[in-house]
Amino acid sequence: MAGFACGLLLALSLVLPARLAVTPHGSESLLVMSVFLLVPFSLPVYLLPFALIGTLVQRTRRVSFLLLLFCTLTAVSGIGLATVAYRARPGVMRARMTAFHELAGRSAPLVQAIHKFDEENGRPPVSLDDLVPRYLPSIPGTGMGAYPRYEYVAGDKAKQRYGNPWALYIHTSIGFCNFDMFLYFPNQNYPEKGYGGVLERVRDWAYVHE
């Protein structure tokens, strides 16, 4: 039972946060918390060597055998469920990319507003706030709970980092120590590799798989 519970937590940590992140109900905190779901699974693995050593000592042999049995069952059932979750992960990632394909479409009014500002003023806006209210009634959100905001950069900073007069980007981490990004370049000059990963074109945007 304990092994099944640990395995289930591990399976959920591999697939659920990444899928929910791109829905309106996702959250950044859920992605961070998913890392801690690994703790119940890893604990029996760390205890296994101590259980093996304990079986060599007469006084602790009985308890160590029980602990060894617990650790073994937990590890086996956990690995089994984790394998199922891992096999389901490609489907989850495809669903994520479909969501980003839809986000690229939803982002068209924002992109068009920036282009129009640039055409009429001879320069891109300094910040997205410059678009309101003439070009947009308000700055839209992304519609993704874990990644709710567009980030924008223009001028020298955009040219140095992105090789463009301006750029839109969204941090799309899939958990702890992951730096995936979703990028829009007006010049459409996306490299195959860069920004810490491999780029995948998504309509006029690009997703950086770190």
N, C-alpha and C. Protein backbone atom coordinates (compact mmCIF):
# COMPACT_ATOMS: atom_id res chain seq x y z
N MET A 1 0.83 -1.21 0.00
CA MET A 1 0.00 0.00 0.00
C MET A 1 0.86 1.25 0.00
N ALA A 2 1.88 1.25 0.88
CA ALA A 2 2.77 2.41 0.95
C ALA A 2 3.53 2.56 -0.37
N GLY A 3 3.95 1.42 -0.94
CA GLY A 3 4.66 1.48 -2.21
C GLY A 3 3.79 2.04 -3.31
N PHE A 4 2.53 1.62 -3.32
CA PHE A 4 1.61 2.14 -4.34
C PHE A 4 1.43 3.65 -4.18
N ALA A 5 1.28 4.10 -2.93
CA ALA A 5 1.09 5.53 -2.67
C ALA A 5 2.31 6.33 -3.12
N CYS A 6 3.52 5.83 -2.81
CA CYS A 6 4.74 6.53 -3.22
C CYS A 6 4.87 6.56 -4.73
N GLY A 7 4.57 5.42 -5.35
CA GLY A 7 4.64 5.37 -6.81
C GLY A 7 3.64 6.30 -7.46
N LEU A 8 2.44 6.38 -6.87
CA LEU A 8 1.42 7.26 -7.40
C LEU A 8 1.86 8.72 -7.30
N LEU A 9 2.46 9.10 -6.17
CA LEU A 9 2.97 10.46 -6.01
C LEU A 9 4.04 10.76 -7.05
N LEU A 10 4.92 9.79 -7.28
CA LEU A 10 5.97 9.98 -8.28
C LEU A 10 5.37 10.14 -9.66
N ALA A 11 4.39 9.29 -9.99
CA ALA A 11 3.74 9.38 -11.29
C ALA A 11 3.08 10.74 -11.50
N LEU A 12 2.38 11.21 -10.47
CA LEU A 12 1.72 12.51 -10.56
C LEU A 12 2.72 13.64 -10.73
N SER A 13 3.86 13.52 -10.06
CA SER A 13 4.87 14.57 -10.16
C SER A 13 5.48 14.64 -11.55
N LEU A 14 5.43 13.53 -12.30
CA LEU A 14 6.01 13.50 -13.64
C LEU A 14 5.08 14.05 -14.72
N VAL A 15 3.77 13.96 -14.50
CA VAL A 15 2.86 14.32 -15.58
C VAL A 15 1.84 15.41 -15.23
N LEU A 16 1.31 15.40 -14.02
CA LEU A 16 0.20 16.29 -13.71
C LEU A 16 0.57 17.77 -13.72
N PRO A 17 1.62 18.21 -13.01
CA PRO A 17 1.93 19.64 -13.00
C PRO A 17 2.22 20.21 -14.38
N ALA A 18 2.96 19.45 -15.22
CA ALA A 18 3.29 19.94 -16.56
C ALA A 18 2.04 20.12 -17.42
N ARG A 19 1.06 19.25 -17.24
CA ARG A 19 -0.17 19.35 -18.03
C ARG A 19 -1.06 20.47 -17.52
N LEU A 20 -1.21 20.55 -16.20
CA LEU A 20 -2.07 21.59 -15.64
C LEU A 20 -1.51 22.99 -15.85
N ALA A 21 -0.19 23.10 -15.98
CA ALA A 21 0.47 24.40 -16.08
C ALA A 21 -0.08 25.24 -17.23
N VAL A 22 -0.45 24.59 -18.34
CA VAL A 22 -0.88 25.33 -19.52
C VAL A 22 -2.39 25.57 -19.56
N THR A 23 -3.08 25.20 -18.49
CA THR A 23 -4.51 25.47 -18.38
C THR A 23 -4.73 26.68 -17.48
N PRO A 24 -5.92 27.27 -17.52
CA PRO A 24 -6.18 28.41 -16.63
C PRO A 24 -6.09 28.05 -15.15
N HIS A 25 -6.15 26.76 -14.82
CA HIS A 25 -6.15 26.33 -13.43
C HIS A 25 -4.75 25.97 -12.91
N GLY A 26 -3.74 26.04 -13.76
CA GLY A 26 -2.39 25.73 -13.33
C GLY A 26 -1.81 26.82 -12.45
N SER A 27 -0.66 26.52 -11.83
CA SER A 27 -0.03 27.52 -10.98
C SER A 27 1.47 27.26 -10.90
N GLU A 28 2.23 28.32 -10.67
CA GLU A 28 3.68 28.18 -10.52
C GLU A 28 4.01 27.38 -9.27
N SER A 29 3.24 27.57 -8.21
CA SER A 29 3.51 26.87 -6.96
C SER A 29 3.35 25.36 -7.12
N LEU A 30 2.40 24.92 -7.97
CA LEU A 30 2.21 23.49 -8.20
C LEU A 30 3.43 22.88 -8.87
N LEU A 31 4.05 23.62 -9.78
CA LEU A 31 5.26 23.13 -10.44
C LEU A 31 6.39 22.96 -9.44
N VAL A 32 6.52 23.92 -8.52
CA VAL A 32 7.58 23.83 -7.51
C VAL A 32 7.30 22.68 -6.55
N MET A 33 6.04 22.54 -6.15
CA MET A 33 5.67 21.49 -5.20
C MET A 33 5.86 20.09 -5.78
N SER A 34 5.81 19.98 -7.11
CA SER A 34 5.95 18.66 -7.73
C SER A 34 7.29 18.03 -7.41
N VAL A 35 8.30 18.85 -7.17
CA VAL A 35 9.63 18.34 -6.82
C VAL A 35 9.58 17.60 -5.49
N PHE A 36 8.79 18.13 -4.55
CA PHE A 36 8.73 17.52 -3.22
C PHE A 36 7.93 16.22 -3.21
N LEU A 37 7.16 15.98 -4.28
CA LEU A 37 6.44 14.70 -4.37
C LEU A 37 7.40 13.54 -4.57
N LEU A 38 8.65 13.84 -4.96
CA LEU A 38 9.64 12.79 -5.16
C LEU A 38 10.19 12.26 -3.84
N VAL A 39 10.04 13.04 -2.76
CA VAL A 39 10.63 12.66 -1.47
C VAL A 39 10.10 11.33 -0.94
N PRO A 40 8.77 11.10 -0.92
CA PRO A 40 8.28 9.81 -0.40
C PRO A 40 8.83 8.61 -1.16
N PHE A 41 9.09 8.78 -2.46
CA PHE A 41 9.63 7.67 -3.23
C PHE A 41 11.12 7.46 -2.95
N SER A 42 11.86 8.55 -2.82
CA SER A 42 13.31 8.43 -2.66
C SER A 42 13.71 7.94 -1.27
N LEU A 43 12.89 8.19 -0.25
CA LEU A 43 13.24 7.79 1.11
C LEU A 43 13.48 6.28 1.25
N PRO A 44 12.58 5.40 0.77
CA PRO A 44 12.85 3.96 0.88
C PRO A 44 14.13 3.53 0.15
N VAL A 45 14.44 4.22 -0.94
CA VAL A 45 15.67 3.90 -1.68
C VAL A 45 16.89 4.18 -0.82
N TYR A 46 16.87 5.31 -0.10
CA TYR A 46 17.99 5.66 0.77
C TYR A 46 18.08 4.74 1.99
N LEU A 47 16.93 4.24 2.43
CA LEU A 47 16.91 3.36 3.61
C LEU A 47 17.37 1.94 3.30
N LEU A 48 17.31 1.57 2.03
CA LEU A 48 17.63 0.20 1.63
C LEU A 48 19.02 -0.27 2.07
N PRO A 49 20.09 0.51 1.90
CA PRO A 49 21.42 0.06 2.36
C PRO A 49 21.47 -0.18 3.87
N PHE A 50 20.79 0.70 4.65
CA PHE A 50 20.79 0.54 6.10
C PHE A 50 20.05 -0.74 6.50
N ALA A 51 18.96 -1.04 5.76
CA ALA A 51 18.22 -2.27 6.05
C ALA A 51 19.08 -3.50 5.77
N LEU A 52 19.86 -3.45 4.69
CA LEU A 52 20.74 -4.57 4.36
C LEU A 52 21.81 -4.77 5.43
N ILE A 53 22.38 -3.68 5.89
CA ILE A 53 23.41 -3.76 6.94
C ILE A 53 22.81 -4.29 8.24
N GLY A 54 21.57 -3.83 8.53
CA GLY A 54 20.91 -4.25 9.76
C GLY A 54 20.64 -5.73 9.83
N THR A 55 20.48 -6.38 8.68
CA THR A 55 20.22 -7.83 8.68
C THR A 55 21.45 -8.63 9.11
N LEU A 56 22.61 -7.99 9.13
CA LEU A 56 23.84 -8.68 9.54
C LEU A 56 24.05 -8.65 11.05
N VAL A 57 23.23 -7.86 11.72
CA VAL A 57 23.35 -7.71 13.18
C VAL A 57 22.20 -8.47 13.84
N GLN A 58 22.52 -9.34 14.77
CA GLN A 58 21.52 -10.21 15.40
C GLN A 58 20.40 -9.41 16.06
N ARG A 59 20.77 -8.36 16.77
CA ARG A 59 19.80 -7.60 17.55
C ARG A 59 18.80 -6.85 16.67
N THR A 60 19.21 -6.44 15.47
CA THR A 60 18.33 -5.64 14.60
C THR A 60 17.84 -6.42 13.38
N ARG A 61 18.13 -7.74 13.36
CA ARG A 61 17.84 -8.51 12.15
C ARG A 61 16.36 -8.53 11.82
N ARG A 62 15.50 -8.78 12.80
CA ARG A 62 14.06 -8.88 12.53
C ARG A 62 13.51 -7.57 11.99
N VAL A 63 13.82 -6.47 12.67
CA VAL A 63 13.33 -5.16 12.22
C VAL A 63 13.89 -4.82 10.85
N SER A 64 15.16 -5.16 10.64
CA SER A 64 15.80 -4.84 9.36
C SER A 64 15.19 -5.63 8.21
N PHE A 65 14.81 -6.89 8.47
CA PHE A 65 14.16 -7.68 7.42
C PHE A 65 12.81 -7.06 7.04
N LEU A 66 12.08 -6.60 8.06
CA LEU A 66 10.79 -5.94 7.78
C LEU A 66 11.00 -4.65 7.00
N LEU A 67 12.03 -3.88 7.39
CA LEU A 67 12.33 -2.64 6.69
C LEU A 67 12.79 -2.92 5.26
N LEU A 68 13.58 -3.98 5.11
CA LEU A 68 14.05 -4.37 3.79
C LEU A 68 12.88 -4.75 2.89
N LEU A 69 11.92 -5.48 3.44
CA LEU A 69 10.73 -5.86 2.68
C LEU A 69 9.93 -4.63 2.27
N PHE A 70 9.76 -3.72 3.22
CA PHE A 70 9.02 -2.48 2.94
C PHE A 70 9.71 -1.68 1.83
N CYS A 71 11.03 -1.51 1.95
CA CYS A 71 11.77 -0.72 0.96
C CYS A 71 11.70 -1.36 -0.42
N THR A 72 11.81 -2.68 -0.46
CA THR A 72 11.80 -3.38 -1.73
C THR A 72 10.44 -3.25 -2.41
N LEU A 73 9.37 -3.48 -1.66
CA LEU A 73 8.03 -3.38 -2.23
C LEU A 73 7.73 -1.95 -2.67
N THR A 74 8.17 -1.00 -1.87
CA THR A 74 7.95 0.40 -2.22
C THR A 74 8.69 0.77 -3.50
N ALA A 75 9.94 0.34 -3.59
CA ALA A 75 10.75 0.67 -4.77
C ALA A 75 10.17 0.01 -6.02
N VAL A 76 9.80 -1.26 -5.92
CA VAL A 76 9.29 -1.98 -7.09
C VAL A 76 7.98 -1.38 -7.58
N SER A 77 7.04 -1.18 -6.66
CA SER A 77 5.75 -0.62 -7.07
C SER A 77 5.91 0.82 -7.53
N GLY A 78 6.80 1.56 -6.87
CA GLY A 78 7.04 2.94 -7.28
C GLY A 78 7.62 3.03 -8.67
N ILE A 79 8.61 2.20 -8.95
CA ILE A 79 9.23 2.20 -10.28
C ILE A 79 8.22 1.78 -11.34
N GLY A 80 7.36 0.81 -11.00
CA GLY A 80 6.34 0.37 -11.94
C GLY A 80 5.40 1.50 -12.33
N LEU A 81 4.88 2.21 -11.33
CA LEU A 81 3.97 3.31 -11.62
C LEU A 81 4.69 4.46 -12.30
N ALA A 82 5.94 4.69 -11.91
CA ALA A 82 6.72 5.75 -12.55
C ALA A 82 6.95 5.45 -14.02
N THR A 83 7.15 4.17 -14.33
CA THR A 83 7.33 3.76 -15.73
C THR A 83 6.07 4.05 -16.55
N VAL A 84 4.93 3.75 -15.96
CA VAL A 84 3.66 4.05 -16.63
C VAL A 84 3.53 5.56 -16.87
N ALA A 85 3.88 6.34 -15.85
CA ALA A 85 3.79 7.80 -15.98
C ALA A 85 4.77 8.31 -17.04
N TYR A 86 5.97 7.73 -17.05
CA TYR A 86 6.98 8.17 -18.02
C TYR A 86 6.52 7.88 -19.45
N ARG A 87 5.86 6.73 -19.63
CA ARG A 87 5.35 6.41 -20.97
C ARG A 87 4.21 7.33 -21.37
N ALA A 88 3.50 7.85 -20.37
CA ALA A 88 2.42 8.79 -20.67
C ALA A 88 2.94 10.20 -20.91
N ARG A 89 4.17 10.46 -20.51
CA ARG A 89 4.73 11.81 -20.59
C ARG A 89 4.77 12.37 -22.01
N PRO A 90 5.14 11.58 -23.05
CA PRO A 90 5.12 12.14 -24.40
C PRO A 90 3.75 12.69 -24.80
N GLY A 91 2.69 12.00 -24.39
CA GLY A 91 1.35 12.49 -24.68
C GLY A 91 1.07 13.80 -23.96
N VAL A 92 1.55 13.90 -22.72
CA VAL A 92 1.40 15.13 -21.96
C VAL A 92 2.14 16.28 -22.64
N MET A 93 3.36 15.99 -23.13
CA MET A 93 4.15 17.04 -23.77
C MET A 93 3.51 17.46 -25.09
N ARG A 94 2.91 16.52 -25.81
CA ARG A 94 2.20 16.90 -27.04
C ARG A 94 1.02 17.80 -26.72
N ALA A 95 0.33 17.50 -25.63
CA ALA A 95 -0.80 18.34 -25.22
C ALA A 95 -0.30 19.73 -24.84
N ARG A 96 0.85 19.79 -24.18
CA ARG A 96 1.45 21.10 -23.84
C ARG A 96 1.75 21.90 -25.10
N MET A 97 2.35 21.25 -26.09
CA MET A 97 2.72 21.98 -27.30
C MET A 97 1.48 22.42 -28.08
N THR A 98 0.41 21.63 -28.02
CA THR A 98 -0.84 22.05 -28.63
C THR A 98 -1.35 23.32 -27.96
N ALA A 99 -1.22 23.38 -26.63
CA ALA A 99 -1.64 24.56 -25.88
C ALA A 99 -0.81 25.78 -26.28
N PHE A 100 0.48 25.60 -26.52
CA PHE A 100 1.32 26.73 -26.94
C PHE A 100 1.02 27.14 -28.38
N HIS A 101 0.62 26.18 -29.20
CA HIS A 101 0.18 26.51 -30.55
C HIS A 101 -1.05 27.42 -30.49
N GLU A 102 -1.96 27.10 -29.59
CA GLU A 102 -3.15 27.93 -29.40
C GLU A 102 -2.79 29.29 -28.81
N LEU A 103 -1.82 29.30 -27.90
CA LEU A 103 -1.39 30.56 -27.31
C LEU A 103 -0.78 31.49 -28.36
N ALA A 104 -0.03 30.92 -29.30
CA ALA A 104 0.54 31.74 -30.37
C ALA A 104 -0.58 32.42 -31.16
N GLY A 105 -1.68 31.72 -31.39
CA GLY A 105 -2.81 32.33 -32.07
C GLY A 105 -3.47 33.41 -31.24
N ARG A 106 -3.63 33.16 -29.95
CA ARG A 106 -4.25 34.16 -29.07
C ARG A 106 -3.39 35.40 -28.92
N SER A 107 -2.10 35.25 -29.14
CA SER A 107 -1.17 36.36 -28.95
C SER A 107 -1.12 37.31 -30.14
N ALA A 108 -1.80 36.96 -31.23
CA ALA A 108 -1.73 37.77 -32.45
C ALA A 108 -2.12 39.24 -32.23
N PRO A 109 -3.20 39.56 -31.50
CA PRO A 109 -3.53 40.98 -31.30
C PRO A 109 -2.43 41.77 -30.59
N LEU A 110 -1.76 41.15 -29.63
CA LEU A 110 -0.67 41.82 -28.93
C LEU A 110 0.49 42.06 -29.87
N VAL A 111 0.85 41.04 -30.65
CA VAL A 111 1.96 41.17 -31.60
C VAL A 111 1.64 42.24 -32.64
N GLN A 112 0.42 42.24 -33.16
CA GLN A 112 0.02 43.23 -34.16
C GLN A 112 0.05 44.65 -33.59
N ALA A 113 -0.33 44.79 -32.34
CA ALA A 113 -0.32 46.11 -31.70
C ALA A 113 1.10 46.65 -31.59
N ILE A 114 2.04 45.80 -31.25
CA ILE A 114 3.44 46.23 -31.16
C ILE A 114 3.96 46.63 -32.53
N HIS A 115 3.67 45.82 -33.55
CA HIS A 115 4.08 46.16 -34.92
C HIS A 115 3.48 47.49 -35.36
N LYS A 116 2.23 47.72 -35.07
CA LYS A 116 1.56 48.96 -35.47
C LYS A 116 2.17 50.16 -34.76
N PHE A 117 2.46 50.01 -33.48
CA PHE A 117 3.12 51.09 -32.73
C PHE A 117 4.46 51.41 -33.38
N ASP A 118 5.21 50.37 -33.73
CA ASP A 118 6.53 50.55 -34.35
C ASP A 118 6.40 51.30 -35.67
N GLU A 119 5.42 50.92 -36.49
CA GLU A 119 5.22 51.55 -37.79
C GLU A 119 4.83 53.02 -37.65
N GLU A 120 4.00 53.33 -36.70
CA GLU A 120 3.49 54.70 -36.56
C GLU A 120 4.45 55.62 -35.84
N ASN A 121 5.32 55.07 -35.01
CA ASN A 121 6.21 55.91 -34.20
C ASN A 121 7.68 55.78 -34.59
N GLY A 122 8.00 54.88 -35.48
CA GLY A 122 9.38 54.71 -35.91
C GLY A 122 10.25 54.03 -34.89
N ARG A 123 9.65 53.43 -33.91
CA ARG A 123 10.38 52.69 -32.87
C ARG A 123 9.40 51.79 -32.14
N PRO A 124 9.87 50.72 -31.55
CA PRO A 124 8.96 49.88 -30.76
C PRO A 124 8.63 50.54 -29.43
N PRO A 125 7.55 50.13 -28.79
CA PRO A 125 7.24 50.69 -27.46
C PRO A 125 8.33 50.35 -26.45
N VAL A 126 8.51 51.24 -25.49
CA VAL A 126 9.48 50.99 -24.43
C VAL A 126 8.98 49.86 -23.53
N SER A 127 7.69 49.86 -23.27
CA SER A 127 7.07 48.79 -22.48
C SER A 127 5.69 48.52 -23.05
N LEU A 128 5.09 47.43 -22.64
CA LEU A 128 3.76 47.08 -23.13
C LEU A 128 2.71 48.10 -22.69
N ASP A 129 2.98 48.80 -21.61
CA ASP A 129 2.03 49.82 -21.13
C ASP A 129 1.83 50.93 -22.14
N ASP A 130 2.82 51.14 -23.03
CA ASP A 130 2.70 52.18 -24.05
C ASP A 130 1.62 51.87 -25.08
N LEU A 131 1.17 50.62 -25.12
CA LEU A 131 0.15 50.23 -26.09
C LEU A 131 -1.26 50.59 -25.65
N VAL A 132 -1.42 50.88 -24.36
CA VAL A 132 -2.74 51.15 -23.78
C VAL A 132 -2.95 52.66 -23.65
N PRO A 133 -4.08 53.21 -24.07
CA PRO A 133 -5.28 52.51 -24.60
C PRO A 133 -5.40 52.59 -26.12
N ARG A 134 -4.43 53.25 -26.80
CA ARG A 134 -4.59 53.49 -28.24
C ARG A 134 -4.57 52.21 -29.06
N TYR A 135 -3.65 51.31 -28.72
CA TYR A 135 -3.48 50.11 -29.55
C TYR A 135 -4.16 48.87 -28.96
N LEU A 136 -4.32 48.87 -27.65
CA LEU A 136 -5.00 47.79 -26.96
C LEU A 136 -5.77 48.38 -25.78
N PRO A 137 -6.95 47.86 -25.46
CA PRO A 137 -7.68 48.35 -24.29
C PRO A 137 -6.97 48.01 -22.98
N SER A 138 -6.25 46.91 -22.96
CA SER A 138 -5.48 46.49 -21.78
C SER A 138 -4.46 45.45 -22.23
N ILE A 139 -3.47 45.20 -21.39
CA ILE A 139 -2.46 44.19 -21.70
C ILE A 139 -3.06 42.82 -21.43
N PRO A 140 -3.13 41.96 -22.42
CA PRO A 140 -3.75 40.64 -22.20
C PRO A 140 -2.85 39.72 -21.38
N GLY A 141 -3.46 38.76 -20.73
CA GLY A 141 -2.71 37.68 -20.10
C GLY A 141 -2.60 36.52 -21.07
N THR A 142 -1.84 35.53 -20.71
CA THR A 142 -1.63 34.40 -21.60
C THR A 142 -2.77 33.38 -21.54
N GLY A 143 -3.50 33.38 -20.44
CA GLY A 143 -4.54 32.37 -20.26
C GLY A 143 -4.02 31.06 -19.69
N MET A 144 -2.73 31.04 -19.33
CA MET A 144 -2.12 29.85 -18.72
C MET A 144 -1.83 30.16 -17.25
N GLY A 145 -2.40 29.35 -16.37
CA GLY A 145 -2.30 29.64 -14.95
C GLY A 145 -0.89 29.72 -14.41
N ALA A 146 0.00 28.84 -14.87
CA ALA A 146 1.37 28.81 -14.37
C ALA A 146 2.25 29.84 -15.05
N TYR A 147 1.83 30.32 -16.22
CA TYR A 147 2.62 31.28 -16.99
C TYR A 147 1.71 32.43 -17.42
N PRO A 148 1.26 33.24 -16.49
CA PRO A 148 0.18 34.18 -16.80
C PRO A 148 0.59 35.44 -17.56
N ARG A 149 1.88 35.79 -17.57
CA ARG A 149 2.29 37.10 -18.08
C ARG A 149 3.22 37.01 -19.29
N TYR A 150 3.05 37.96 -20.20
CA TYR A 150 4.01 38.17 -21.27
C TYR A 150 5.14 39.06 -20.73
N GLU A 151 6.35 38.72 -21.08
CA GLU A 151 7.48 39.59 -20.79
C GLU A 151 7.90 40.24 -22.10
N TYR A 152 8.36 41.50 -22.01
CA TYR A 152 8.69 42.26 -23.22
C TYR A 152 10.01 42.98 -23.00
N VAL A 153 10.82 43.01 -24.04
CA VAL A 153 12.09 43.73 -23.98
C VAL A 153 12.31 44.41 -25.32
N ALA A 154 12.91 45.62 -25.28
CA ALA A 154 13.15 46.38 -26.51
C ALA A 154 14.49 47.11 -26.41
N GLY A 155 14.94 47.63 -27.55
CA GLY A 155 16.17 48.42 -27.55
C GLY A 155 17.43 47.56 -27.52
N ASP A 156 18.47 48.11 -26.93
CA ASP A 156 19.77 47.44 -26.92
C ASP A 156 19.72 46.08 -26.25
N LYS A 157 18.94 45.97 -25.19
CA LYS A 157 18.85 44.70 -24.47
C LYS A 157 18.28 43.61 -25.37
N ALA A 158 17.27 43.96 -26.16
CA ALA A 158 16.67 42.99 -27.08
C ALA A 158 17.65 42.62 -28.19
N LYS A 159 18.39 43.62 -28.69
CA LYS A 159 19.34 43.36 -29.77
C LYS A 159 20.49 42.48 -29.29
N GLN A 160 20.97 42.75 -28.09
CA GLN A 160 22.11 41.98 -27.57
C GLN A 160 21.72 40.54 -27.27
N ARG A 161 20.58 40.34 -26.67
CA ARG A 161 20.20 38.98 -26.26
C ARG A 161 19.49 38.22 -27.37
N TYR A 162 18.61 38.90 -28.11
CA TYR A 162 17.76 38.21 -29.07
C TYR A 162 18.02 38.58 -30.53
N GLY A 163 18.88 39.55 -30.78
CA GLY A 163 19.17 39.94 -32.16
C GLY A 163 17.98 40.54 -32.88
N ASN A 164 17.09 41.18 -32.12
CA ASN A 164 15.88 41.80 -32.66
C ASN A 164 15.65 43.15 -32.00
N PRO A 165 14.91 44.06 -32.67
CA PRO A 165 14.62 45.36 -32.05
C PRO A 165 13.74 45.24 -30.81
N TRP A 166 12.97 44.17 -30.74
CA TRP A 166 12.15 43.89 -29.56
C TRP A 166 11.81 42.40 -29.55
N ALA A 167 11.34 41.93 -28.44
CA ALA A 167 10.98 40.51 -28.33
C ALA A 167 9.95 40.32 -27.23
N LEU A 168 9.09 39.34 -27.43
CA LEU A 168 8.17 38.88 -26.40
C LEU A 168 8.65 37.51 -25.93
N TYR A 169 8.50 37.25 -24.65
CA TYR A 169 8.86 35.92 -24.16
C TYR A 169 8.04 35.59 -22.93
N ILE A 170 7.90 34.29 -22.69
CA ILE A 170 7.17 33.78 -21.54
C ILE A 170 8.03 32.69 -20.91
N HIS A 171 8.27 32.77 -19.63
CA HIS A 171 8.99 31.71 -18.93
C HIS A 171 8.03 30.54 -18.74
N THR A 172 8.42 29.37 -19.23
CA THR A 172 7.52 28.21 -19.22
C THR A 172 8.16 27.00 -18.55
N SER A 173 8.73 27.22 -17.40
CA SER A 173 9.40 26.15 -16.66
C SER A 173 8.47 24.96 -16.42
N ILE A 174 9.06 23.75 -16.45
CA ILE A 174 8.31 22.53 -16.14
C ILE A 174 8.79 21.98 -14.81
N GLY A 175 9.05 22.85 -13.86
CA GLY A 175 9.50 22.40 -12.56
C GLY A 175 10.79 23.05 -12.14
N PHE A 176 11.34 22.51 -11.08
CA PHE A 176 12.53 23.08 -10.45
C PHE A 176 13.74 22.98 -11.39
N CYS A 177 14.51 24.07 -11.49
CA CYS A 177 15.73 24.11 -12.31
C CYS A 177 15.47 23.78 -13.77
N ASN A 178 14.37 24.25 -14.30
CA ASN A 178 14.09 24.13 -15.73
C ASN A 178 13.83 25.52 -16.27
N PHE A 179 14.40 25.84 -17.45
CA PHE A 179 14.33 27.21 -17.95
C PHE A 179 13.75 27.25 -19.37
N ASP A 180 12.72 26.47 -19.63
CA ASP A 180 12.03 26.54 -20.92
C ASP A 180 11.47 27.95 -21.12
N MET A 181 11.36 28.35 -22.40
CA MET A 181 10.82 29.67 -22.74
C MET A 181 9.99 29.57 -24.01
N PHE A 182 9.08 30.53 -24.16
CA PHE A 182 8.30 30.67 -25.38
C PHE A 182 8.61 32.06 -25.92
N LEU A 183 9.12 32.13 -27.16
CA LEU A 183 9.67 33.37 -27.70
C LEU A 183 8.95 33.84 -28.95
N TYR A 184 8.88 35.19 -29.10
CA TYR A 184 8.45 35.78 -30.37
C TYR A 184 9.48 36.81 -30.80
N PHE A 185 10.03 36.64 -32.01
CA PHE A 185 10.96 37.60 -32.61
C PHE A 185 10.29 38.22 -33.83
N PRO A 186 10.24 39.54 -33.93
CA PRO A 186 9.64 40.16 -35.12
C PRO A 186 10.38 39.82 -36.41
N ASN A 187 11.70 39.60 -36.34
CA ASN A 187 12.48 39.24 -37.53
C ASN A 187 12.39 37.76 -37.88
N GLN A 188 11.77 36.98 -37.02
CA GLN A 188 11.58 35.54 -37.25
C GLN A 188 12.90 34.78 -37.47
N ASN A 189 13.96 35.28 -36.90
CA ASN A 189 15.29 34.67 -37.09
C ASN A 189 15.64 33.75 -35.92
N TYR A 190 14.85 32.72 -35.74
CA TYR A 190 15.08 31.79 -34.63
C TYR A 190 16.20 30.81 -34.99
N PRO A 191 17.17 30.64 -34.11
CA PRO A 191 18.21 29.63 -34.36
C PRO A 191 17.67 28.24 -34.03
N GLU A 192 18.36 27.21 -34.48
CA GLU A 192 17.97 25.86 -34.13
C GLU A 192 18.28 25.56 -32.67
N LYS A 193 19.38 26.14 -32.19
CA LYS A 193 19.77 25.95 -30.79
C LYS A 193 20.13 27.31 -30.21
N GLY A 194 19.87 27.46 -28.94
CA GLY A 194 20.20 28.71 -28.26
C GLY A 194 19.38 28.91 -27.02
N TYR A 195 19.76 29.91 -26.22
CA TYR A 195 19.03 30.26 -25.01
C TYR A 195 18.90 29.07 -24.06
N GLY A 196 19.93 28.22 -24.09
CA GLY A 196 19.98 27.10 -23.15
C GLY A 196 19.28 25.85 -23.61
N GLY A 197 18.87 25.77 -24.88
CA GLY A 197 18.17 24.58 -25.33
C GLY A 197 18.01 24.51 -26.83
N VAL A 198 17.06 23.68 -27.26
CA VAL A 198 16.74 23.48 -28.68
C VAL A 198 15.41 24.16 -28.96
N LEU A 199 15.33 24.88 -30.08
CA LEU A 199 14.12 25.64 -30.40
C LEU A 199 13.21 24.86 -31.34
N GLU A 200 11.92 24.89 -31.04
CA GLU A 200 10.88 24.28 -31.88
C GLU A 200 9.94 25.38 -32.34
N ARG A 201 9.77 25.52 -33.66
CA ARG A 201 8.87 26.54 -34.18
C ARG A 201 7.42 26.19 -33.86
N VAL A 202 6.69 27.19 -33.41
CA VAL A 202 5.26 27.06 -33.11
C VAL A 202 4.58 28.27 -33.72
N ARG A 203 4.04 28.09 -34.92
CA ARG A 203 3.52 29.21 -35.71
C ARG A 203 4.64 30.24 -35.89
N ASP A 204 4.38 31.51 -35.50
CA ASP A 204 5.40 32.54 -35.63
C ASP A 204 6.27 32.65 -34.37
N TRP A 205 6.04 31.77 -33.42
CA TRP A 205 6.79 31.75 -32.18
C TRP A 205 7.78 30.59 -32.20
N ALA A 206 8.54 30.46 -31.13
CA ALA A 206 9.44 29.32 -30.97
C ALA A 206 9.47 28.93 -29.49
N TYR A 207 9.47 27.63 -29.26
CA TYR A 207 9.55 27.10 -27.89
C TYR A 207 10.96 26.61 -27.65
N VAL A 208 11.56 27.05 -26.54
CA VAL A 208 12.91 26.62 -26.17
C VAL A 208 12.80 25.45 -25.21
N HIS A 209 13.19 24.27 -25.67
CA HIS A 209 13.24 23.08 -24.81
C HIS A 209 14.61 23.04 -24.15
N GLU A 210 14.66 23.34 -22.85
CA GLU A 210 15.95 23.41 -22.15
C GLU A 210 16.53 22.02 -21.89
